[in-house]
Amino acid sequence: MTRRGPGEVSLERALSKMGYASRTEARRLIVEGRVALDGVVVRDPGAPVVPERVKVKIDGATQQRTQRTQTLMLHKPPGTVVTRRDPEGRPTVYTLLGQQKLKLEAVGRLDLMTTGLLLFTNDTRFCDWLTDPASGVVRRYSVVVNGNLDQRAAQKLCDGVEDGGETLGAESVEVRRRSARESHAVVEMVEGKNREIRRMFAALGFEATKLKRLSFGGLSLGDLRSGEWREVSAEELAAAFPNARSRTAGPPRGPQRGPRSSG
């Protein structure tokens, strides 16, 4: 695996994110020797680059970015997958955003039945910073589990539990309501391992029956209804992520608010 530095992504991914070509088309152009970076032809689709620092030529013509930097938030409904196309034919989050948003990258993942705040951006450095555990960006979730979640179990989740050879743990777990039948809690996380919250509760014998992301850093769902999306302004991003490496966003054009899902 190619070792990459801060802000670096593969060349094929960079071309896709920068709006020059789809990832498949970008790979073909690179392998055919039709892509030059700063005047040098590069034939390796996996070559590491920092998109903001290179001049791209395709077939000898300098390429200009056609897209403005943009960040959206979506209130993800249950039953949608975080992918552009699903081989099983399930609805995807991009179905809600529309074709014009296909070039935006989802910031992390939420599983099929998890709902709540999901961010999308075409700012590569911002996306990398948000998903890097070293950045310490807190995600807050409301969780409903079967059974009586007492303070002892909540502390175990914060101390860390083992599952599949990994140590999983929360920054904090606040039990809001509990009974023998079910318990409600608010969980804070700074890392997004695959299905981490469900797995760490399961490791203690609890099944998470409902899981919803309430906030991501300084951004929260607010009045955004399930299936709706809206654009996040540069001012909001600056206030929500003051230490981010990059958080630019163009001013919203018109309402820039997506329709509510029919599901």
C-alpha atoms as a PDB file:
ATOM      1  CA  MET A   1       0.000   0.000   0.000  1.00  0.00           C
ATOM      2  CA  THR A   2       1.301   3.447  -0.933  1.00  0.00           C
ATOM      3  CA  ARG A   3       2.178   5.525   2.102  1.00  0.00           C
ATOM      4  CA  ARG A   4       0.479   8.924   1.966  1.00  0.00           C
ATOM      5  CA  GLY A   5       1.131  12.184   3.714  1.00  0.00           C
ATOM      6  CA  PRO A   6      -1.314  14.815   5.021  1.00  0.00           C
ATOM      7  CA  GLY A   7      -3.924  15.784   2.433  1.00  0.00           C
ATOM      8  CA  GLU A   8      -2.736  13.217  -0.122  1.00  0.00           C
ATOM      9  CA  VAL A   9      -5.137  10.974  -2.039  1.00  0.00           C
ATOM     10  CA  SER A  10      -4.681   8.674  -5.032  1.00  0.00           C
ATOM     11  CA  LEU A  11      -4.465  10.424  -8.394  1.00  0.00           C
ATOM     12  CA  GLU A  12      -7.601   8.711  -9.728  1.00  0.00           C
ATOM     13  CA  ARG A  13      -9.563   9.774  -6.653  1.00  0.00           C
ATOM     14  CA  ALA A  14      -8.215  13.314  -6.903  1.00  0.00           C
ATOM     15  CA  LEU A  15      -9.339  13.676 -10.519  1.00  0.00           C
ATOM     16  CA  SER A  16     -12.788  12.392  -9.589  1.00  0.00           C
ATOM     17  CA  LYS A  17     -13.134  14.660  -6.562  1.00  0.00           C
ATOM     18  CA  MET A  18     -11.924  17.680  -8.530  1.00  0.00           C
ATOM     19  CA  GLY A  19     -14.631  17.103 -11.133  1.00  0.00           C
ATOM     20  CA  TYR A  20     -12.368  16.243 -14.073  1.00  0.00           C
ATOM     21  CA  ALA A  21     -13.726  12.737 -14.691  1.00  0.00           C
ATOM     22  CA  SER A  22     -15.456   9.821 -13.018  1.00  0.00           C
ATOM     23  CA  ARG A  23     -13.126   7.532 -11.095  1.00  0.00           C
ATOM     24  CA  THR A  24     -13.321   4.823 -13.783  1.00  0.00           C
ATOM     25  CA  GLU A  25     -12.658   7.330 -16.553  1.00  0.00           C
ATOM     26  CA  ALA A  26      -9.836   8.909 -14.550  1.00  0.00           C
ATOM     27  CA  ARG A  27      -8.103   5.538 -14.161  1.00  0.00           C
ATOM     28  CA  ARG A  28      -8.312   4.906 -17.916  1.00  0.00           C
ATOM     29  CA  LEU A  29      -6.920   8.350 -18.768  1.00  0.00           C
ATOM     30  CA  ILE A  30      -4.024   7.898 -16.343  1.00  0.00           C
ATOM     31  CA  VAL A  31      -3.063   4.403 -17.553  1.00  0.00           C
ATOM     32  CA  GLU A  32      -3.149   5.631 -21.171  1.00  0.00           C
ATOM     33  CA  GLY A  33      -0.622   8.332 -20.292  1.00  0.00           C
ATOM     34  CA  ARG A  34      -2.970  11.212 -21.002  1.00  0.00           C
ATOM     35  CA  VAL A  35      -2.656  12.897 -17.579  1.00  0.00           C
ATOM     36  CA  ALA A  36       0.223  15.176 -16.587  1.00  0.00           C
ATOM     37  CA  LEU A  37       0.833  16.752 -13.195  1.00  0.00           C
ATOM     38  CA  ASP A  38       2.942  19.902 -13.232  1.00  0.00           C
ATOM     39  CA  GLY A  39       4.138  18.934 -16.714  1.00  0.00           C
ATOM     40  CA  VAL A  40       5.069  15.323 -15.883  1.00  0.00           C
ATOM     41  CA  VAL A  41       3.031  12.397 -17.265  1.00  0.00           C
ATOM     42  CA  VAL A  42       1.890  10.048 -14.489  1.00  0.00           C
ATOM     43  CA  ARG A  43       0.643   6.555 -15.352  1.00  0.00           C
ATOM     44  CA  ASP A  44      -0.018   5.244 -11.838  1.00  0.00           C
ATOM     45  CA  PRO A  45      -3.682   5.737 -10.777  1.00  0.00           C
ATOM     46  CA  GLY A  46      -2.630   5.249  -7.164  1.00  0.00           C
ATOM     47  CA  ALA A  47       0.085   7.919  -7.195  1.00  0.00           C
ATOM     48  CA  PRO A  48      -0.315  10.157  -4.093  1.00  0.00           C
ATOM     49  CA  VAL A  49      -1.149  13.799  -4.753  1.00  0.00           C
ATOM     50  CA  VAL A  50      -2.435  16.810  -2.845  1.00  0.00           C
ATOM     51  CA  PRO A  51      -5.211  18.032  -5.193  1.00  0.00           C
ATOM     52  CA  GLU A  52      -4.872  21.704  -4.275  1.00  0.00           C
ATOM     53  CA  ARG A  53      -1.152  21.788  -5.078  1.00  0.00           C
ATOM     54  CA  VAL A  54      -0.940  20.397  -8.617  1.00  0.00           C
ATOM     55  CA  LYS A  55      -1.631  21.714 -12.112  1.00  0.00           C
ATOM     56  CA  VAL A  56      -3.489  19.091 -14.105  1.00  0.00           C
ATOM     57  CA  LYS A  57      -3.314  18.630 -17.866  1.00  0.00           C
ATOM     58  CA  ILE A  58      -5.350  16.061 -19.780  1.00  0.00           C
ATOM     59  CA  ASP A  59      -4.340  15.483 -23.393  1.00  0.00           C
ATOM     60  CA  GLY A  60      -2.121  18.553 -23.079  1.00  0.00           C
ATOM     61  CA  ALA A  61      -4.924  20.894 -22.057  1.00  0.00           C
ATOM     62  CA  THR A  62      -4.847  22.561 -18.633  1.00  0.00           C
ATOM     63  CA  GLN A  63      -7.913  21.605 -16.615  1.00  0.00           C
ATOM     64  CA  GLN A  64      -9.849  24.075 -14.538  1.00  0.00           C
ATOM     65  CA  ARG A  65     -12.059  22.992 -11.687  1.00  0.00           C
ATOM     66  CA  THR A  66     -15.692  23.431 -12.627  1.00  0.00           C
ATOM     67  CA  GLN A  67     -17.166  22.997  -9.188  1.00  0.00           C
ATOM     68  CA  ARG A  68     -17.195  25.291  -6.207  1.00  0.00           C
ATOM     69  CA  THR A  69     -16.362  23.916  -2.792  1.00  0.00           C
ATOM     70  CA  GLN A  70     -19.548  22.737  -1.156  1.00  0.00           C
ATOM     71  CA  THR A  71     -20.682  21.020   2.048  1.00  0.00           C
ATOM     72  CA  LEU A  72     -24.154  19.610   2.726  1.00  0.00           C
ATOM     73  CA  MET A  73     -25.855  17.958   5.655  1.00  0.00           C
ATOM     74  CA  LEU A  74     -28.524  15.302   5.211  1.00  0.00           C
ATOM     75  CA  HIS A  75     -30.943  13.865   7.759  1.00  0.00           C
ATOM     76  CA  LYS A  76     -30.478  10.251   6.720  1.00  0.00           C
ATOM     77  CA  PRO A  77     -33.642   8.164   6.939  1.00  0.00           C
ATOM     78  CA  PRO A  78     -33.621   4.458   7.839  1.00  0.00           C
ATOM     79  CA  GLY A  79     -33.246   1.925   5.040  1.00  0.00           C
ATOM     80  CA  THR A  80     -30.876   3.990   2.901  1.00  0.00           C
ATOM     81  CA  VAL A  81     -27.302   2.959   2.135  1.00  0.00           C
ATOM     82  CA  VAL A  82     -24.342   5.339   2.015  1.00  0.00           C
ATOM     83  CA  THR A  83     -23.112   4.566  -1.479  1.00  0.00           C
ATOM     84  CA  ARG A  84     -23.636   5.961  -4.959  1.00  0.00           C
ATOM     85  CA  ARG A  85     -25.050   2.734  -6.392  1.00  0.00           C
ATOM     86  CA  ASP A  86     -26.262  -0.364  -4.592  1.00  0.00           C
ATOM     87  CA  PRO A  87     -26.097  -3.756  -6.372  1.00  0.00           C
ATOM     88  CA  GLU A  88     -29.095  -4.915  -4.322  1.00  0.00           C
ATOM     89  CA  GLY A  89     -31.199  -2.041  -5.589  1.00  0.00           C
ATOM     90  CA  ARG A  90     -31.749  -0.445  -2.192  1.00  0.00           C
ATOM     91  CA  PRO A  91     -32.304   3.343  -2.029  1.00  0.00           C
ATOM     92  CA  THR A  92     -29.111   5.313  -1.495  1.00  0.00           C
ATOM     93  CA  VAL A  93     -28.451   8.656   0.144  1.00  0.00           C
ATOM     94  CA  TYR A  94     -27.520  10.034  -3.283  1.00  0.00           C
ATOM     95  CA  THR A  95     -31.066   9.304  -4.438  1.00  0.00           C
ATOM     96  CA  LEU A  96     -32.136  11.916  -1.895  1.00  0.00           C
ATOM     97  CA  LEU A  97     -29.467  14.428  -2.915  1.00  0.00           C
ATOM     98  CA  GLY A  98     -30.044  14.140  -6.657  1.00  0.00           C
ATOM     99  CA  GLN A  99     -27.735  13.519  -9.609  1.00  0.00           C
ATOM    100  CA  GLN A 100     -26.070  16.933  -9.378  1.00  0.00           C
ATOM    101  CA  LYS A 101     -24.596  15.980  -5.988  1.00  0.00           C
ATOM    102  CA  LEU A 102     -22.905  12.735  -7.106  1.00  0.00           C
ATOM    103  CA  LYS A 103     -19.466  14.349  -6.947  1.00  0.00           C
ATOM    104  CA  LEU A 104     -19.839  15.071  -3.239  1.00  0.00           C
ATOM    105  CA  GLU A 105     -18.149  12.593  -0.902  1.00  0.00           C
ATOM    106  CA  ALA A 106     -19.929  11.257   2.175  1.00  0.00           C
ATOM    107  CA  VAL A 107     -17.944  12.049   5.326  1.00  0.00           C
ATOM    108  CA  GLY A 108     -17.799   8.603   6.903  1.00  0.00           C
ATOM    109  CA  ARG A 109     -20.682   6.153   6.945  1.00  0.00           C
ATOM    110  CA  LEU A 110     -23.925   5.361   8.746  1.00  0.00           C
ATOM    111  CA  ASP A 111     -25.230   1.807   8.456  1.00  0.00           C
ATOM    112  CA  LEU A 112     -28.511   0.829   6.808  1.00  0.00           C
ATOM    113  CA  MET A 113     -30.852   1.447   9.740  1.00  0.00           C
ATOM    114  CA  THR A 114     -28.904   4.221  11.492  1.00  0.00           C
ATOM    115  CA  THR A 115     -30.474   7.643  10.980  1.00  0.00           C
ATOM    116  CA  GLY A 116     -29.452  11.244  11.530  1.00  0.00           C
ATOM    117  CA  LEU A 117     -26.823  13.720  10.473  1.00  0.00           C
ATOM    118  CA  LEU A 118     -24.609  12.790   7.531  1.00  0.00           C
ATOM    119  CA  LEU A 119     -22.206  15.274   5.944  1.00  0.00           C
ATOM    120  CA  PHE A 120     -21.138  15.489   2.293  1.00  0.00           C
ATOM    121  CA  THR A 121     -18.355  17.619   0.839  1.00  0.00           C
ATOM    122  CA  ASN A 122     -16.076  18.029  -2.175  1.00  0.00           C
ATOM    123  CA  ASP A 123     -13.364  19.568   0.026  1.00  0.00           C
ATOM    124  CA  THR A 124     -10.836  16.716   0.198  1.00  0.00           C
ATOM    125  CA  ARG A 125      -8.705  18.153   2.988  1.00  0.00           C
ATOM    126  CA  PHE A 126     -11.754  18.951   5.096  1.00  0.00           C
ATOM    127  CA  CYS A 127     -13.135  15.429   4.647  1.00  0.00           C
ATOM    128  CA  ASP A 128      -9.796  13.862   5.627  1.00  0.00           C
ATOM    129  CA  TRP A 129      -9.533  16.101   8.691  1.00  0.00           C
ATOM    130  CA  LEU A 130     -13.070  15.315   9.845  1.00  0.00           C
ATOM    131  CA  THR A 131     -12.539  11.546   9.604  1.00  0.00           C
ATOM    132  CA  ASP A 132      -9.079  11.500  11.204  1.00  0.00           C
ATOM    133  CA  PRO A 133      -9.446  10.334  14.859  1.00  0.00           C
ATOM    134  CA  ALA A 134      -6.500  12.583  15.754  1.00  0.00           C
ATOM    135  CA  SER A 135      -8.714  15.605  14.994  1.00  0.00           C
ATOM    136  CA  GLY A 136     -10.917  14.680  17.951  1.00  0.00           C
ATOM    137  CA  VAL A 137     -14.194  15.684  16.274  1.00  0.00           C
ATOM    138  CA  VAL A 138     -17.043  14.501  18.525  1.00  0.00           C
ATOM    139  CA  ARG A 139     -20.137  12.774  17.137  1.00  0.00           C
ATOM    140  CA  ARG A 140     -23.216  12.538  19.396  1.00  0.00           C
ATOM    141  CA  TYR A 141     -25.785   9.757  19.050  1.00  0.00           C
ATOM    142  CA  SER A 142     -29.042   8.844  20.709  1.00  0.00           C
ATOM    143  CA  VAL A 143     -29.213   5.105  21.325  1.00  0.00           C
ATOM    144  CA  VAL A 144     -32.038   2.821  22.433  1.00  0.00           C
ATOM    145  CA  VAL A 145     -31.021  -0.659  23.628  1.00  0.00           C
ATOM    146  CA  ASN A 146     -32.854  -3.699  24.910  1.00  0.00           C
ATOM    147  CA  GLY A 147     -32.426  -4.263  28.629  1.00  0.00           C
ATOM    148  CA  ASN A 148     -31.355  -2.286  31.683  1.00  0.00           C
ATOM    149  CA  LEU A 149     -28.242  -0.214  30.936  1.00  0.00           C
ATOM    150  CA  ASP A 150     -26.868   0.750  34.341  1.00  0.00           C
ATOM    151  CA  GLN A 151     -23.980   3.071  35.157  1.00  0.00           C
ATOM    152  CA  ARG A 152     -21.566   0.177  35.563  1.00  0.00           C
ATOM    153  CA  ALA A 153     -22.207  -0.965  31.991  1.00  0.00           C
ATOM    154  CA  ALA A 154     -21.993   2.630  30.749  1.00  0.00           C
ATOM    155  CA  GLN A 155     -18.564   2.979  32.379  1.00  0.00           C
ATOM    156  CA  LYS A 156     -17.377  -0.237  30.732  1.00  0.00           C
ATOM    157  CA  LEU A 157     -18.273   1.257  27.357  1.00  0.00           C
ATOM    158  CA  CYS A 158     -16.109   4.286  28.144  1.00  0.00           C
ATOM    159  CA  ASP A 159     -13.241   2.134  29.426  1.00  0.00           C
ATOM    160  CA  GLY A 160     -13.304   0.065  26.246  1.00  0.00           C
ATOM    161  CA  VAL A 161     -14.589  -3.378  25.269  1.00  0.00           C
ATOM    162  CA  GLU A 162     -13.092  -6.004  22.960  1.00  0.00           C
ATOM    163  CA  ASP A 163     -14.803  -7.188  19.799  1.00  0.00           C
ATOM    164  CA  GLY A 164     -13.253  -9.023  16.880  1.00  0.00           C
ATOM    165  CA  GLY A 165      -9.738  -8.199  18.011  1.00  0.00           C
ATOM    166  CA  GLU A 166     -10.500  -4.468  18.256  1.00  0.00           C
ATOM    167  CA  THR A 167     -10.905  -2.254  21.290  1.00  0.00           C
ATOM    168  CA  LEU A 168     -14.097  -0.235  21.004  1.00  0.00           C
ATOM    169  CA  GLY A 169     -15.029   2.604  23.306  1.00  0.00           C
ATOM    170  CA  ALA A 170     -17.008   5.802  23.749  1.00  0.00           C
ATOM    171  CA  GLU A 171     -15.894   9.209  24.955  1.00  0.00           C
ATOM    172  CA  SER A 172     -18.966   9.391  27.156  1.00  0.00           C
ATOM    173  CA  VAL A 173     -22.233   7.525  27.756  1.00  0.00           C
ATOM    174  CA  GLU A 174     -25.108   9.329  29.478  1.00  0.00           C
ATOM    175  CA  VAL A 175     -27.992   7.091  30.480  1.00  0.00           C
ATOM    176  CA  ARG A 176     -31.163   9.161  30.137  1.00  0.00           C
ATOM    177  CA  ARG A 177     -33.778   6.546  30.970  1.00  0.00           C
ATOM    178  CA  ARG A 178     -33.666   2.844  31.803  1.00  0.00           C
ATOM    179  CA  SER A 179     -35.917  -0.057  32.700  1.00  0.00           C
ATOM    180  CA  ALA A 180     -35.835  -3.831  32.528  1.00  0.00           C
ATOM    181  CA  ARG A 181     -37.301  -3.602  29.014  1.00  0.00           C
ATOM    182  CA  GLU A 182     -35.162  -0.910  27.375  1.00  0.00           C
ATOM    183  CA  SER A 183     -32.776   1.957  28.031  1.00  0.00           C
ATOM    184  CA  HIS A 184     -32.119   5.297  26.333  1.00  0.00           C
ATOM    185  CA  ALA A 185     -28.668   6.907  26.241  1.00  0.00           C
ATOM    186  CA  VAL A 186     -26.658   9.637  24.548  1.00  0.00           C
ATOM    187  CA  VAL A 187     -23.252   8.443  23.365  1.00  0.00           C
ATOM    188  CA  GLU A 188     -20.293  10.563  22.255  1.00  0.00           C
ATOM    189  CA  MET A 189     -17.658   9.132  19.900  1.00  0.00           C
ATOM    190  CA  VAL A 190     -14.550  10.502  18.195  1.00  0.00           C
ATOM    191  CA  GLU A 191     -13.805   7.553  15.931  1.00  0.00           C
ATOM    192  CA  GLY A 192     -15.938   5.882  13.295  1.00  0.00           C
ATOM    193  CA  LYS A 193     -14.994   2.211  13.160  1.00  0.00           C
ATOM    194  CA  ASN A 194     -17.411  -0.014  11.256  1.00  0.00           C
ATOM    195  CA  ARG A 195     -20.696  -0.363  13.221  1.00  0.00           C
ATOM    196  CA  GLU A 196     -18.747   0.568  16.354  1.00  0.00           C
ATOM    197  CA  ILE A 197     -21.644   1.624  18.574  1.00  0.00           C
ATOM    198  CA  ARG A 198     -23.780  -1.421  17.782  1.00  0.00           C
ATOM    199  CA  ARG A 199     -20.784  -3.716  18.256  1.00  0.00           C
ATOM    200  CA  MET A 200     -19.677  -2.294  21.599  1.00  0.00           C
ATOM    201  CA  PHE A 201     -23.186  -2.551  23.055  1.00  0.00           C
ATOM    202  CA  ALA A 202     -23.488  -6.101  21.700  1.00  0.00           C
ATOM    203  CA  ALA A 203     -20.195  -6.997  23.393  1.00  0.00           C
ATOM    204  CA  LEU A 204     -21.945  -6.305  26.725  1.00  0.00           C
ATOM    205  CA  GLY A 205     -25.106  -8.187  25.755  1.00  0.00           C
ATOM    206  CA  PHE A 206     -27.235  -5.210  24.618  1.00  0.00           C
ATOM    207  CA  GLU A 207     -28.910  -4.881  21.231  1.00  0.00           C
ATOM    208  CA  ALA A 208     -29.093  -1.339  19.843  1.00  0.00           C
ATOM    209  CA  THR A 209     -32.618  -1.158  18.424  1.00  0.00           C
ATOM    210  CA  LYS A 210     -32.488   2.522  17.446  1.00  0.00           C
ATOM    211  CA  LEU A 211     -29.441   4.615  16.597  1.00  0.00           C
ATOM    212  CA  LYS A 212     -29.459   8.243  15.460  1.00  0.00           C
ATOM    213  CA  ARG A 213     -26.597  10.704  14.981  1.00  0.00           C
ATOM    214  CA  LEU A 214     -27.606  13.998  16.542  1.00  0.00           C
ATOM    215  CA  SER A 215     -24.534  16.094  15.777  1.00  0.00           C
ATOM    216  CA  PHE A 216     -21.132  16.068  14.114  1.00  0.00           C
ATOM    217  CA  GLY A 217     -18.705  18.472  15.754  1.00  0.00           C
ATOM    218  CA  GLY A 218     -20.479  21.806  16.087  1.00  0.00           C
ATOM    219  CA  LEU A 219     -23.196  20.949  13.560  1.00  0.00           C
ATOM    220  CA  SER A 220     -26.530  19.519  14.675  1.00  0.00           C
ATOM    221  CA  LEU A 221     -29.670  18.403  12.851  1.00  0.00           C
ATOM    222  CA  GLY A 222     -31.773  21.293  14.099  1.00  0.00           C
ATOM    223  CA  ASP A 223     -35.178  21.280  12.374  1.00  0.00           C
ATOM    224  CA  LEU A 224     -33.997  19.225   9.400  1.00  0.00           C
ATOM    225  CA  ARG A 225     -36.570  16.472   8.881  1.00  0.00           C
ATOM    226  CA  SER A 226     -35.854  12.887   7.859  1.00  0.00           C
ATOM    227  CA  GLY A 227     -34.885  12.758   4.171  1.00  0.00           C
ATOM    228  CA  GLU A 228     -34.179  16.494   3.912  1.00  0.00           C
ATOM    229  CA  TRP A 229     -30.817  18.062   3.189  1.00  0.00           C
ATOM    230  CA  ARG A 230     -29.456  21.580   3.199  1.00  0.00           C
ATOM    231  CA  GLU A 231     -26.254  23.368   2.299  1.00  0.00           C
ATOM    232  CA  VAL A 232     -23.925  24.443   5.104  1.00  0.00           C
ATOM    233  CA  SER A 233     -22.502  27.947   4.747  1.00  0.00           C
ATOM    234  CA  ALA A 234     -18.846  28.883   5.160  1.00  0.00           C
ATOM    235  CA  GLU A 235     -19.762  30.851   8.265  1.00  0.00           C
ATOM    236  CA  GLU A 236     -21.439  27.815   9.865  1.00  0.00           C
ATOM    237  CA  LEU A 237     -18.441  25.617   9.079  1.00  0.00           C
ATOM    238  CA  ALA A 238     -16.010  28.139  10.541  1.00  0.00           C
ATOM    239  CA  ALA A 239     -18.007  28.264  13.777  1.00  0.00           C
ATOM    240  CA  ALA A 240     -18.553  24.496  13.946  1.00  0.00           C
ATOM    241  CA  PHE A 241     -14.969  23.453  13.091  1.00  0.00           C
ATOM    242  CA  PRO A 242     -12.644  26.345  13.998  1.00  0.00           C
ATOM    243  CA  ASN A 243      -9.521  24.149  13.873  1.00  0.00           C
ATOM    244  CA  ALA A 244     -10.216  22.412  10.559  1.00  0.00           C
ATOM    245  CA  ARG A 245      -7.496  22.273   7.912  1.00  0.00           C
ATOM    246  CA  SER A 246      -9.965  23.392   5.261  1.00  0.00           C
ATOM    247  CA  ARG A 247     -13.628  24.252   5.650  1.00  0.00           C
ATOM    248  CA  THR A 248     -14.463  26.470   2.707  1.00  0.00           C
ATOM    249  CA  ALA A 249     -17.910  26.578   1.188  1.00  0.00           C
ATOM    250  CA  GLY A 250     -19.513  28.866  -1.313  1.00  0.00           C
ATOM    251  CA  PRO A 251     -22.559  30.928  -0.372  1.00  0.00           C
ATOM    252  CA  PRO A 252     -25.854  29.054  -0.719  1.00  0.00           C
ATOM    253  CA  ARG A 253     -27.652  29.735  -3.986  1.00  0.00           C
ATOM    254  CA  GLY A 254     -31.394  29.987  -3.467  1.00  0.00           C
ATOM    255  CA  PRO A 255     -32.938  27.891  -0.703  1.00  0.00           C
ATOM    256  CA  GLN A 256     -30.544  24.946  -1.313  1.00  0.00           C
ATOM    257  CA  ARG A 257     -32.725  22.654   0.736  1.00  0.00           C
ATOM    258  CA  GLY A 258     -33.672  19.212  -0.453  1.00  0.00           C
ATOM    259  CA  PRO A 259     -37.123  17.627  -0.407  1.00  0.00           C
ATOM    260  CA  ARG A 260     -38.350  15.377   2.335  1.00  0.00           C
ATOM    261  CA  SER A 261     -38.085  11.643   1.644  1.00  0.00           C
ATOM    262  CA  SER A 262     -41.324   9.848   0.908  1.00  0.00           C
ATOM    263  CA  GLY A 263     -39.962   6.903   2.902  1.00  0.00           C
END
